[in-house]
Amino acid sequence: MEELTDQERSSRLKALNALLDLMRPSVQADGGDLVLIRADVATGVVEVQLQGACSSCAISSDTLQGGVTRILMDRLKWVTEVLGGVDDSIDPEDSMSLGVGGYVPRYRQL
């Protein structure tokens, strides 16, 4: 494990929070939220959680893997792993009522 100064730790955590704050409005626009659960800035392990309407969203895992994980690892070179999940403590019907429909799948009849 890499030894970091307090200033390096603070700098990494500040950059992580700034990047999450940049991503958060996109998730919030659909009735959800992106929350930092924990971050080990020395090992590079970050844990986030999608909340609100995200718990009933069919593409939540895609948002975590294709969006949040990719962005964090691309922009913060010290991030080695992103753990993520969806807050399943909210009632599914309550979760669905929070969504504003930013993503609506369209199906064509053949």
C-alpha atoms as a PDB file:
ATOM      1  CA  MET A   1       0.000   0.000   0.000  1.00  0.00           C
ATOM      2  CA  GLU A   2       1.222   3.433  -0.957  1.00  0.00           C
ATOM      3  CA  GLU A   3       2.106   5.870   1.835  1.00  0.00           C
ATOM      4  CA  LEU A   4       0.286   9.144   1.309  1.00  0.00           C
ATOM      5  CA  THR A   5       0.730  12.444   3.037  1.00  0.00           C
ATOM      6  CA  ASP A   6      -2.293  14.065   4.634  1.00  0.00           C
ATOM      7  CA  GLN A   7      -2.237  16.615   1.833  1.00  0.00           C
ATOM      8  CA  GLU A   8      -2.292  13.857  -0.841  1.00  0.00           C
ATOM      9  CA  ARG A   9      -5.170  12.095   0.934  1.00  0.00           C
ATOM     10  CA  SER A  10      -7.101  15.348   1.159  1.00  0.00           C
ATOM     11  CA  SER A  11      -6.404  16.173  -2.480  1.00  0.00           C
ATOM     12  CA  ARG A  12      -7.623  12.762  -3.672  1.00  0.00           C
ATOM     13  CA  LEU A  13     -10.779  12.923  -1.584  1.00  0.00           C
ATOM     14  CA  LYS A  14     -11.492  16.457  -2.781  1.00  0.00           C
ATOM     15  CA  ALA A  15     -11.068  15.396  -6.433  1.00  0.00           C
ATOM     16  CA  LEU A  16     -13.337  12.375  -5.879  1.00  0.00           C
ATOM     17  CA  ASN A  17     -16.088  14.465  -4.296  1.00  0.00           C
ATOM     18  CA  ALA A  18     -15.816  17.079  -7.048  1.00  0.00           C
ATOM     19  CA  LEU A  19     -16.193  14.410  -9.731  1.00  0.00           C
ATOM     20  CA  LEU A  20     -19.175  12.821  -7.960  1.00  0.00           C
ATOM     21  CA  ASP A  21     -20.749  16.279  -7.666  1.00  0.00           C
ATOM     22  CA  LEU A  22     -20.294  16.664 -11.419  1.00  0.00           C
ATOM     23  CA  MET A  23     -22.068  13.339 -12.120  1.00  0.00           C
ATOM     24  CA  ARG A  24     -24.789  13.636  -9.483  1.00  0.00           C
ATOM     25  CA  PRO A  25     -27.145  16.050 -11.371  1.00  0.00           C
ATOM     26  CA  SER A  26     -27.539  13.541 -14.224  1.00  0.00           C
ATOM     27  CA  VAL A  27     -28.711  10.881 -11.792  1.00  0.00           C
ATOM     28  CA  GLN A  28     -30.863  13.346  -9.865  1.00  0.00           C
ATOM     29  CA  ALA A  29     -32.554  14.447 -13.089  1.00  0.00           C
ATOM     30  CA  ASP A  30     -34.116  10.985 -13.248  1.00  0.00           C
ATOM     31  CA  GLY A  31     -35.229  10.988  -9.611  1.00  0.00           C
ATOM     32  CA  GLY A  32     -32.214   9.191  -8.169  1.00  0.00           C
ATOM     33  CA  ASP A  33     -29.052  10.108  -6.372  1.00  0.00           C
ATOM     34  CA  LEU A  34     -25.412   9.064  -6.297  1.00  0.00           C
ATOM     35  CA  VAL A  35     -23.892   8.762  -2.832  1.00  0.00           C
ATOM     36  CA  LEU A  36     -20.323   8.089  -1.743  1.00  0.00           C
ATOM     37  CA  ILE A  37     -20.375   5.297   0.841  1.00  0.00           C
ATOM     38  CA  ARG A  38     -16.632   5.050   1.476  1.00  0.00           C
ATOM     39  CA  ALA A  39     -13.318   5.746  -0.185  1.00  0.00           C
ATOM     40  CA  ASP A  40      -9.902   4.342   0.620  1.00  0.00           C
ATOM     41  CA  VAL A  41      -7.698   6.823  -1.189  1.00  0.00           C
ATOM     42  CA  ALA A  42      -4.557   4.791  -0.437  1.00  0.00           C
ATOM     43  CA  THR A  43      -5.752   1.520  -2.029  1.00  0.00           C
ATOM     44  CA  GLY A  44      -7.981   3.220  -4.598  1.00  0.00           C
ATOM     45  CA  VAL A  45     -11.173   1.395  -3.598  1.00  0.00           C
ATOM     46  CA  VAL A  46     -14.298   3.544  -3.832  1.00  0.00           C
ATOM     47  CA  GLU A  47     -17.824   2.461  -2.905  1.00  0.00           C
ATOM     48  CA  VAL A  48     -20.883   4.307  -4.188  1.00  0.00           C
ATOM     49  CA  GLN A  49     -24.609   3.727  -4.036  1.00  0.00           C
ATOM     50  CA  LEU A  50     -27.472   4.692  -6.310  1.00  0.00           C
ATOM     51  CA  GLN A  51     -30.573   5.757  -4.415  1.00  0.00           C
ATOM     52  CA  GLY A  52     -34.129   6.946  -5.019  1.00  0.00           C
ATOM     53  CA  ALA A  53     -35.668   6.051  -8.369  1.00  0.00           C
ATOM     54  CA  CYS A  54     -32.522   4.113  -9.235  1.00  0.00           C
ATOM     55  CA  SER A  55     -33.650   1.161  -7.131  1.00  0.00           C
ATOM     56  CA  SER A  56     -36.452   0.386  -9.593  1.00  0.00           C
ATOM     57  CA  CYS A  57     -34.551   1.359 -12.745  1.00  0.00           C
ATOM     58  CA  ALA A  58     -33.704  -1.403 -15.190  1.00  0.00           C
ATOM     59  CA  ILE A  59     -30.439   0.236 -16.214  1.00  0.00           C
ATOM     60  CA  SER A  60     -29.004   0.986 -12.763  1.00  0.00           C
ATOM     61  CA  SER A  61     -26.251  -1.597 -13.172  1.00  0.00           C
ATOM     62  CA  ASP A  62     -25.349  -0.064 -16.544  1.00  0.00           C
ATOM     63  CA  THR A  63     -25.193   3.363 -14.905  1.00  0.00           C
ATOM     64  CA  LEU A  64     -22.809   2.003 -12.278  1.00  0.00           C
ATOM     65  CA  GLN A  65     -20.582   0.046 -14.648  1.00  0.00           C
ATOM     66  CA  GLY A  66     -20.725   2.017 -17.868  1.00  0.00           C
ATOM     67  CA  GLY A  67     -20.994   5.419 -16.313  1.00  0.00           C
ATOM     68  CA  VAL A  68     -19.826   5.878 -12.749  1.00  0.00           C
ATOM     69  CA  THR A  69     -17.076   3.233 -12.719  1.00  0.00           C
ATOM     70  CA  ARG A  70     -15.713   4.198 -16.126  1.00  0.00           C
ATOM     71  CA  ILE A  71     -15.647   7.914 -15.343  1.00  0.00           C
ATOM     72  CA  LEU A  72     -14.042   7.503 -11.919  1.00  0.00           C
ATOM     73  CA  MET A  73     -11.326   5.173 -13.203  1.00  0.00           C
ATOM     74  CA  ASP A  74     -10.657   7.256 -16.325  1.00  0.00           C
ATOM     75  CA  ARG A  75     -10.387  10.601 -14.547  1.00  0.00           C
ATOM     76  CA  LEU A  76      -8.863   9.579 -11.223  1.00  0.00           C
ATOM     77  CA  LYS A  77      -5.838   7.425 -12.008  1.00  0.00           C
ATOM     78  CA  TRP A  78      -5.499   6.343  -8.372  1.00  0.00           C
ATOM     79  CA  VAL A  79      -8.922   4.629  -8.376  1.00  0.00           C
ATOM     80  CA  THR A  80      -8.347   0.888  -8.737  1.00  0.00           C
ATOM     81  CA  GLU A  81     -11.820  -0.489  -8.025  1.00  0.00           C
ATOM     82  CA  VAL A  82     -15.340   0.877  -7.782  1.00  0.00           C
ATOM     83  CA  LEU A  83     -17.843  -1.056  -5.722  1.00  0.00           C
ATOM     84  CA  GLY A  84     -21.417  -0.100  -6.264  1.00  0.00           C
ATOM     85  CA  GLY A  85     -24.904  -1.026  -5.428  1.00  0.00           C
ATOM     86  CA  VAL A  86     -28.442   0.158  -5.402  1.00  0.00           C
ATOM     87  CA  ASP A  87     -30.285   1.125  -2.250  1.00  0.00           C
ATOM     88  CA  ASP A  88     -32.991  -1.522  -2.074  1.00  0.00           C
ATOM     89  CA  SER A  89     -34.445  -0.294   1.217  1.00  0.00           C
ATOM     90  CA  ILE A  90     -37.008   1.857  -0.601  1.00  0.00           C
ATOM     91  CA  ASP A  91     -40.318   0.328  -1.666  1.00  0.00           C
ATOM     92  CA  PRO A  92     -40.234  -0.431  -5.423  1.00  0.00           C
ATOM     93  CA  GLU A  93     -43.479   1.460  -6.070  1.00  0.00           C
ATOM     94  CA  ASP A  94     -42.202   4.489  -4.151  1.00  0.00           C
ATOM     95  CA  SER A  95     -38.986   4.272  -6.159  1.00  0.00           C
ATOM     96  CA  MET A  96     -40.865   4.189  -9.466  1.00  0.00           C
ATOM     97  CA  SER A  97     -42.897   7.231  -8.472  1.00  0.00           C
ATOM     98  CA  LEU A  98     -39.672   9.239  -7.984  1.00  0.00           C
ATOM     99  CA  GLY A  99     -38.489   8.815 -11.551  1.00  0.00           C
ATOM    100  CA  VAL A 100     -39.070  11.554 -14.045  1.00  0.00           C
ATOM    101  CA  GLY A 101     -38.505   9.442 -17.113  1.00  0.00           C
ATOM    102  CA  GLY A 102     -35.193  10.606 -18.488  1.00  0.00           C
ATOM    103  CA  TYR A 103     -34.765   7.154 -20.013  1.00  0.00           C
ATOM    104  CA  VAL A 104     -37.757   5.521 -21.596  1.00  0.00           C
ATOM    105  CA  PRO A 105     -37.101   2.409 -23.693  1.00  0.00           C
ATOM    106  CA  ARG A 106     -38.855   2.433 -27.035  1.00  0.00           C
ATOM    107  CA  TYR A 107     -39.979  -0.756 -28.708  1.00  0.00           C
ATOM    108  CA  ARG A 108     -40.855  -1.001 -32.338  1.00  0.00           C
ATOM    109  CA  GLN A 109     -43.416  -3.444 -33.541  1.00  0.00           C
ATOM    110  CA  LEU A 110     -42.194  -5.632 -36.344  1.00  0.00           C
END
